[in-house]
Amino acid sequence: MKNKIIIFISFLLLNIGALTSFFFVKNRQVPKEKPLPLLKYTFENLKNTDLPTSTIEFGEIKDETESYISRIFYFNVPERPGSTNTLKVSGLANIPKGTDNYPIIIMFRGYIPKETYKPGAGSQPSAKILAKNGFITLAPDFLGYGESASASATLFEDRFQTYTTALTLLNSLSSLKEIGADTTKIGIWGHSNGAQIALSALAMSGVNYPTVLWAPVSKPFPYSILFYTDETDDYGKALRKSLAIFEEDYDVELFSPANYYSWIKAPLQIHQGAADQEVLPFWTDELVETLKKDNIDVTYFEYPGADHNLLPNGWNNAVLREIEFFKEEL
């Protein structure tokens, strides 16, 4: 009898334990994984994302000369990779007069404060010369600039949206046939941070469009932005705070252009001022060395005494060389 009681109590305790475990597992709150929306912007993911095409439409004429017309253009970009919501981006185009099949040059300008920005700023001086020599030029304003929609309120998504804007524009050039463009002949031009956008777009897209870079920002991210924090009112305090939060969730190596230069397939022509204090000349020396190690076709010109804009003694030669380069390649 005593043994039966012990067996019964043991059985009861086992079942109580099992029921308690079942109830706990069934009703416990399983922590949800933290959403990481910016993973859509890694180089690997953007390389494998099919961004939509957009029709390029033209608006107000801003200037007209004997050889070309400057006018505003518009296209739409996805709000973020994979999104069906689109945002309007404006820009400035220069279109040669005539009916020939003109090559297209996409132009990415460097950083300019929003309060002083005007469409074409940072690229229009070169764009005018290219247009006079028979090239259609398109310089997007990017989100938050010109007549474009606002960029993301998230600091780093705002930055990464320049990539999706650049890639969408490169995908959308077929509609330019109506204005006499030869959409089989496409080149890219970039200055400073715009040259970094160009390098990134080339790596992500794999296109072989001949590309001219002036003083490219080429150091790894996020050093490539931290270097400039002395130019902000708070000396980078807000940026560093945002970056610390970003690095808690994301591996910055996945967003650093310098890790993906080997993907580039396009021939490059690079210009650097030896007196540049915004993009240090040794950065570009190292970039060219890296590109050559990856067997990328690159031609490099350095201009003694020239600053970030290749002034006072490099600008003319750089423009002549880029025109010759684009004519040979296109």
Protein backbone atom coordinates (compact mmCIF):
# COMPACT_ATOMS: atom_id res chain seq x y z
CA MET A 1 0.00 0.00 0.00
CA LYS A 2 2.83 2.35 0.94
CA ASN A 3 4.55 1.73 -2.42
CA LYS A 4 1.34 2.45 -4.29
CA ILE A 5 0.97 5.82 -2.52
CA ILE A 6 4.56 6.77 -3.39
CA ILE A 7 4.02 5.81 -7.05
CA PHE A 8 0.77 7.82 -7.16
CA ILE A 9 2.40 10.93 -5.64
CA SER A 10 5.34 10.65 -8.08
CA PHE A 11 2.96 10.34 -11.03
CA LEU A 12 0.97 13.34 -9.84
CA LEU A 13 4.09 15.49 -9.44
CA LEU A 14 5.34 14.56 -12.91
CA ASN A 15 2.04 15.54 -14.51
CA ILE A 16 1.84 18.79 -12.57
CA GLY A 17 5.38 19.61 -13.78
CA ALA A 18 4.49 18.78 -17.38
CA LEU A 19 1.31 20.86 -17.27
CA THR A 20 3.17 23.77 -15.69
CA SER A 21 5.87 23.62 -18.40
CA PHE A 22 3.24 23.44 -21.15
CA PHE A 23 1.36 26.41 -19.72
CA PHE A 24 4.58 28.44 -19.40
CA VAL A 25 5.78 27.70 -22.94
CA LYS A 26 2.34 28.37 -24.40
CA ASN A 27 1.87 31.70 -22.65
CA ARG A 28 5.36 33.16 -22.44
CA GLN A 29 6.11 36.29 -24.47
CA VAL A 30 8.64 35.42 -27.17
CA PRO A 31 10.77 38.52 -27.81
CA LYS A 32 10.38 39.85 -31.34
CA GLU A 33 13.44 40.38 -33.49
CA LYS A 34 14.38 44.03 -33.86
CA PRO A 35 13.56 45.26 -37.38
CA LEU A 36 16.62 46.23 -39.41
CA PRO A 37 15.19 48.13 -42.41
CA LEU A 38 18.54 49.57 -43.53
CA LEU A 39 19.82 46.10 -44.42
CA LYS A 40 18.07 46.69 -47.74
CA TYR A 41 20.82 49.19 -48.53
CA THR A 42 23.87 46.95 -48.12
CA PHE A 43 25.99 46.65 -51.25
CA GLU A 44 25.13 42.96 -51.59
CA ASN A 45 21.40 43.58 -51.30
CA LEU A 46 21.31 46.56 -53.66
CA LYS A 47 23.36 44.59 -56.17
CA ASN A 48 20.63 41.94 -56.14
CA THR A 49 17.65 44.34 -56.08
CA ASP A 50 15.79 45.10 -59.30
CA LEU A 51 14.98 48.80 -59.04
CA PRO A 52 12.13 50.00 -61.26
CA THR A 53 12.52 52.18 -64.32
CA SER A 54 10.93 55.61 -64.52
CA THR A 55 9.92 57.89 -67.36
CA ILE A 56 12.09 61.00 -67.46
CA GLU A 57 9.95 64.09 -68.00
CA PHE A 58 11.06 67.63 -68.74
CA GLY A 59 9.87 70.89 -67.25
CA GLU A 60 10.90 74.52 -67.19
CA ILE A 61 13.65 75.80 -69.47
CA LYS A 62 16.29 77.48 -67.29
CA ASP A 63 18.72 78.66 -69.98
CA GLU A 64 19.21 78.54 -73.74
CA THR A 65 22.31 79.18 -75.85
CA GLU A 66 23.13 78.73 -79.52
CA SER A 67 24.29 75.16 -78.88
CA TYR A 68 22.16 73.73 -76.05
CA ILE A 69 19.10 74.12 -73.79
CA SER A 70 19.17 73.74 -70.00
CA ARG A 71 15.93 72.55 -68.45
CA ILE A 72 14.56 70.89 -65.33
CA PHE A 73 13.80 67.17 -65.50
CA TYR A 74 11.92 64.79 -63.21
CA PHE A 75 11.82 61.08 -62.52
CA ASN A 76 10.51 58.84 -59.73
CA VAL A 77 12.48 56.65 -57.35
CA PRO A 78 11.26 54.00 -54.90
CA GLU A 79 10.92 55.31 -51.36
CA ARG A 80 13.20 52.43 -50.33
CA PRO A 81 14.33 49.21 -52.05
CA GLY A 82 11.36 46.96 -52.73
CA SER A 83 8.79 49.68 -51.96
CA THR A 84 5.93 50.40 -54.35
CA ASN A 85 5.74 53.98 -53.06
CA THR A 86 7.71 56.39 -55.22
CA LEU A 87 9.20 59.84 -54.66
CA LYS A 88 9.81 62.56 -57.21
CA VAL A 89 13.39 63.63 -57.91
CA SER A 90 14.25 66.72 -59.93
CA GLY A 91 17.45 67.67 -61.71
CA LEU A 92 18.98 69.80 -64.43
CA ALA A 93 19.55 68.58 -67.98
CA ASN A 94 21.57 70.13 -70.79
CA ILE A 95 20.40 69.09 -74.26
CA PRO A 96 22.40 69.94 -77.40
CA LYS A 97 20.41 71.49 -80.21
CA GLY A 98 20.00 69.30 -83.27
CA THR A 99 18.75 65.84 -84.15
CA ASP A 100 21.88 63.70 -83.79
CA ASN A 101 22.09 60.67 -81.52
CA TYR A 102 23.87 62.28 -78.60
CA PRO A 103 25.64 60.26 -75.88
CA ILE A 104 24.38 60.73 -72.30
CA ILE A 105 26.50 61.74 -69.31
CA ILE A 106 25.00 61.31 -65.82
CA MET A 107 26.55 63.82 -63.42
CA PHE A 108 26.73 63.42 -59.63
CA ARG A 109 27.77 66.55 -57.72
CA GLY A 110 29.43 66.71 -54.32
CA TYR A 111 27.98 67.90 -51.03
CA ILE A 112 26.31 71.31 -51.05
CA PRO A 113 24.26 72.75 -48.12
CA LYS A 114 20.54 72.70 -48.86
CA GLU A 115 20.14 76.37 -48.00
CA THR A 116 22.52 77.43 -50.78
CA TYR A 117 21.75 74.71 -53.33
CA LYS A 118 20.43 75.41 -56.83
CA PRO A 119 19.80 72.81 -59.57
CA GLY A 120 23.02 72.08 -61.41
CA ALA A 121 25.25 73.42 -58.63
CA GLY A 122 28.54 71.55 -58.49
CA SER A 123 28.25 70.07 -61.98
CA GLN A 124 26.91 72.75 -64.33
CA PRO A 125 30.26 74.35 -65.26
CA SER A 126 31.50 71.03 -66.67
CA ALA A 127 28.04 70.11 -67.97
CA LYS A 128 27.88 73.22 -70.14
CA ILE A 129 31.17 72.32 -71.84
CA LEU A 130 30.03 68.74 -72.36
CA ALA A 131 26.75 69.93 -73.88
CA LYS A 132 28.62 72.25 -76.26
CA ASN A 133 30.58 69.19 -77.38
CA GLY A 134 27.51 67.11 -78.18
CA PHE A 135 26.68 65.31 -74.92
CA ILE A 136 23.32 65.27 -73.16
CA THR A 137 23.94 65.76 -69.43
CA LEU A 138 21.63 64.89 -66.54
CA ALA A 139 22.44 66.02 -63.00
CA PRO A 140 19.94 64.79 -60.38
CA ASP A 141 19.29 67.06 -57.40
CA PHE A 142 18.75 64.05 -55.07
CA LEU A 143 15.99 63.81 -52.46
CA GLY A 144 15.64 66.87 -50.29
CA TYR A 145 17.12 69.20 -52.92
CA GLY A 146 15.64 71.32 -55.69
CA GLU A 147 12.05 70.32 -56.44
CA SER A 148 12.58 66.77 -55.16
CA ALA A 149 10.52 65.15 -52.43
CA SER A 150 11.94 65.11 -48.92
CA ALA A 151 14.56 62.52 -48.06
CA SER A 152 14.20 60.05 -45.20
CA ALA A 153 14.21 61.55 -41.71
CA THR A 154 16.63 58.78 -40.75
CA LEU A 155 20.14 60.16 -41.17
CA PHE A 156 21.78 57.11 -42.74
CA GLU A 157 18.81 56.17 -44.91
CA ASP A 158 18.96 59.72 -46.29
CA ARG A 159 22.56 58.98 -47.28
CA PHE A 160 21.79 55.55 -48.75
CA GLN A 161 18.89 56.94 -50.80
CA THR A 162 21.48 58.61 -53.04
CA TYR A 163 22.40 55.10 -54.22
CA THR A 164 18.85 54.13 -55.11
CA THR A 165 18.38 57.49 -56.82
CA ALA A 166 21.53 57.01 -58.91
CA LEU A 167 20.69 53.40 -59.80
CA THR A 168 17.10 54.26 -60.74
CA LEU A 169 18.25 57.08 -63.02
CA LEU A 170 20.73 54.76 -64.74
CA ASN A 171 17.86 52.29 -65.30
CA SER A 172 15.56 54.95 -66.76
CA LEU A 173 17.45 56.42 -69.71
CA SER A 174 15.48 54.68 -72.48
CA SER A 175 12.86 57.47 -72.47
CA LEU A 176 15.54 59.93 -73.63
CA LYS A 177 15.37 58.56 -77.18
CA GLU A 178 12.61 61.11 -77.78
CA ILE A 179 15.08 64.00 -77.40
CA GLY A 180 17.74 62.53 -79.67
CA ALA A 181 19.74 60.54 -77.13
CA ASP A 182 21.73 57.46 -78.07
CA THR A 183 20.85 55.28 -75.08
CA THR A 184 23.56 52.78 -76.01
CA LYS A 185 26.21 55.40 -75.21
CA ILE A 186 26.20 56.33 -71.53
CA GLY A 187 28.91 57.84 -69.34
CA ILE A 188 29.14 58.96 -65.72
CA TRP A 189 30.81 61.98 -64.12
CA GLY A 190 31.22 62.57 -60.40
CA HIS A 191 32.90 65.07 -58.11
CA SER A 192 33.84 64.57 -54.45
CA ASN A 193 30.96 62.79 -52.68
CA GLY A 194 29.28 62.53 -56.08
CA ALA A 195 32.30 60.56 -57.23
CA GLN A 196 31.77 58.24 -54.25
CA ILE A 197 28.15 57.79 -55.37
CA ALA A 198 29.43 57.04 -58.88
CA LEU A 199 31.90 54.42 -57.60
CA SER A 200 29.14 52.84 -55.51
CA ALA A 201 26.65 52.78 -58.38
CA LEU A 202 29.24 51.23 -60.69
CA ALA A 203 29.97 48.49 -58.15
CA MET A 204 26.32 47.75 -57.41
CA SER A 205 25.10 47.80 -61.02
CA GLY A 206 28.08 46.21 -62.75
CA VAL A 207 27.63 48.50 -65.77
CA ASN A 208 30.70 49.31 -67.84
CA TYR A 209 29.87 52.98 -68.48
CA PRO A 210 33.03 55.11 -68.92
CA THR A 211 33.35 57.26 -65.82
CA VAL A 212 35.24 60.45 -64.94
CA LEU A 213 35.92 61.18 -61.27
CA TRP A 214 37.11 64.47 -59.82
CA ALA A 215 38.58 64.29 -56.29
CA PRO A 216 36.65 61.16 -55.31
CA VAL A 217 35.81 60.52 -51.65
CA SER A 218 37.11 56.98 -51.48
CA LYS A 219 38.03 56.15 -47.87
CA PRO A 220 36.03 53.48 -46.03
CA PHE A 221 32.66 54.29 -44.47
CA PRO A 222 32.11 55.73 -41.85
CA TYR A 223 35.54 57.42 -41.75
CA SER A 224 34.60 58.97 -45.09
CA ILE A 225 31.96 61.08 -43.32
CA LEU A 226 33.58 61.49 -39.91
CA PHE A 227 36.52 63.26 -41.59
CA TYR A 228 34.25 66.23 -42.37
CA THR A 229 32.64 66.68 -38.95
CA ASP A 230 34.75 69.76 -38.17
CA GLU A 231 32.70 71.57 -40.83
CA THR A 232 29.39 71.19 -38.94
CA ASP A 233 28.05 73.58 -36.30
CA ASP A 234 28.19 70.91 -33.57
CA TYR A 235 31.51 69.47 -34.81
CA GLY A 236 29.84 66.14 -35.53
CA LYS A 237 28.18 65.49 -32.17
CA ALA A 238 24.80 64.55 -33.68
CA LEU A 239 26.43 62.46 -36.39
CA ARG A 240 28.55 60.51 -33.92
CA LYS A 241 25.48 59.83 -31.77
CA SER A 242 23.53 58.54 -34.78
CA LEU A 243 26.51 56.48 -35.90
CA ALA A 244 26.84 54.83 -32.49
CA ILE A 245 23.19 53.76 -32.68
CA PHE A 246 23.66 52.58 -36.26
CA GLU A 247 26.70 50.46 -35.35
CA GLU A 248 24.77 48.75 -32.53
CA ASP A 249 22.49 47.19 -35.14
CA TYR A 250 24.47 47.05 -38.37
CA ASP A 251 27.87 45.92 -39.62
CA VAL A 252 29.30 49.06 -41.24
CA GLU A 253 31.54 46.93 -43.46
CA LEU A 254 28.44 45.92 -45.44
CA PHE A 255 27.82 49.58 -46.33
CA SER A 256 31.40 50.65 -47.10
CA PRO A 257 32.11 51.33 -50.81
CA ALA A 258 35.81 50.62 -50.30
CA ASN A 259 35.02 46.93 -49.76
CA TYR A 260 33.42 46.58 -53.19
CA TYR A 261 35.63 48.45 -55.66
CA SER A 262 36.64 45.09 -57.15
CA TRP A 263 33.11 44.79 -58.58
CA ILE A 264 33.69 47.76 -60.90
CA LYS A 265 33.88 46.92 -64.61
CA ALA A 266 33.96 50.41 -66.15
CA PRO A 267 37.00 52.30 -67.46
CA LEU A 268 37.83 55.24 -65.19
CA GLN A 269 39.56 58.58 -65.60
CA ILE A 270 40.47 60.23 -62.28
CA HIS A 271 41.54 63.83 -61.61
CA GLN A 272 43.03 65.06 -58.32
CA GLY A 273 44.32 68.43 -57.15
CA ALA A 274 47.60 68.10 -55.25
CA ALA A 275 46.60 71.00 -52.95
CA ASP A 276 43.14 69.58 -52.20
CA GLN A 277 42.27 69.84 -48.50
CA GLU A 278 38.81 68.23 -48.80
CA VAL A 279 39.91 64.98 -50.45
CA LEU A 280 43.50 64.38 -49.49
CA PRO A 281 45.69 63.49 -52.48
CA PHE A 282 47.05 60.34 -50.85
CA TRP A 283 43.47 59.00 -50.61
CA THR A 284 43.25 59.10 -54.38
CA ASP A 285 46.75 57.68 -54.77
CA GLU A 286 45.65 54.69 -52.66
CA LEU A 287 42.37 54.37 -54.57
CA VAL A 288 44.17 54.21 -57.92
CA GLU A 289 46.60 51.65 -56.56
CA THR A 290 43.70 49.50 -55.30
CA LEU A 291 41.83 49.76 -58.60
CA LYS A 292 44.89 48.75 -60.58
CA LYS A 293 45.43 45.73 -58.31
CA ASP A 294 41.87 44.71 -59.20
CA ASN A 295 42.73 45.06 -62.92
CA ILE A 296 40.35 47.96 -63.40
CA ASP A 297 41.18 50.24 -66.33
CA VAL A 298 42.09 53.58 -64.72
CA THR A 299 43.94 56.68 -65.93
CA TYR A 300 45.08 59.14 -63.28
CA PHE A 301 45.93 62.84 -63.53
CA GLU A 302 47.23 64.95 -60.65
CA TYR A 303 47.43 68.76 -60.83
CA PRO A 304 50.14 70.52 -58.76
CA GLY A 305 48.76 73.48 -56.82
CA ALA A 306 45.12 72.69 -57.66
CA ASP A 307 42.40 72.63 -54.99
CA HIS A 308 39.26 70.53 -54.53
CA ASN A 309 37.69 72.07 -57.66
CA LEU A 310 40.92 71.73 -59.64
CA LEU A 311 41.48 75.49 -59.48
CA PRO A 312 43.38 77.57 -60.36
CA ASN A 313 45.43 75.55 -62.80
CA GLY A 314 43.78 72.16 -63.40
CA TRP A 315 40.18 72.76 -64.38
CA ASN A 316 40.68 73.49 -68.10
CA ASN A 317 42.96 70.51 -68.68
CA ALA A 318 40.63 68.21 -66.75
CA VAL A 319 37.63 69.24 -68.88
CA LEU A 320 39.56 68.80 -72.12
CA ARG A 321 40.76 65.37 -71.00
CA GLU A 322 37.30 64.21 -69.96
CA ILE A 323 35.79 65.29 -73.29
CA GLU A 324 38.50 63.37 -75.15
CA PHE A 325 37.94 60.37 -72.87
CA PHE A 326 34.18 60.30 -73.38
CA LYS A 327 34.53 60.73 -77.16
CA GLU A 328 37.01 57.87 -77.36
CA GLU A 329 34.99 55.55 -75.12
CA LEU A 330 31.53 56.44 -76.46
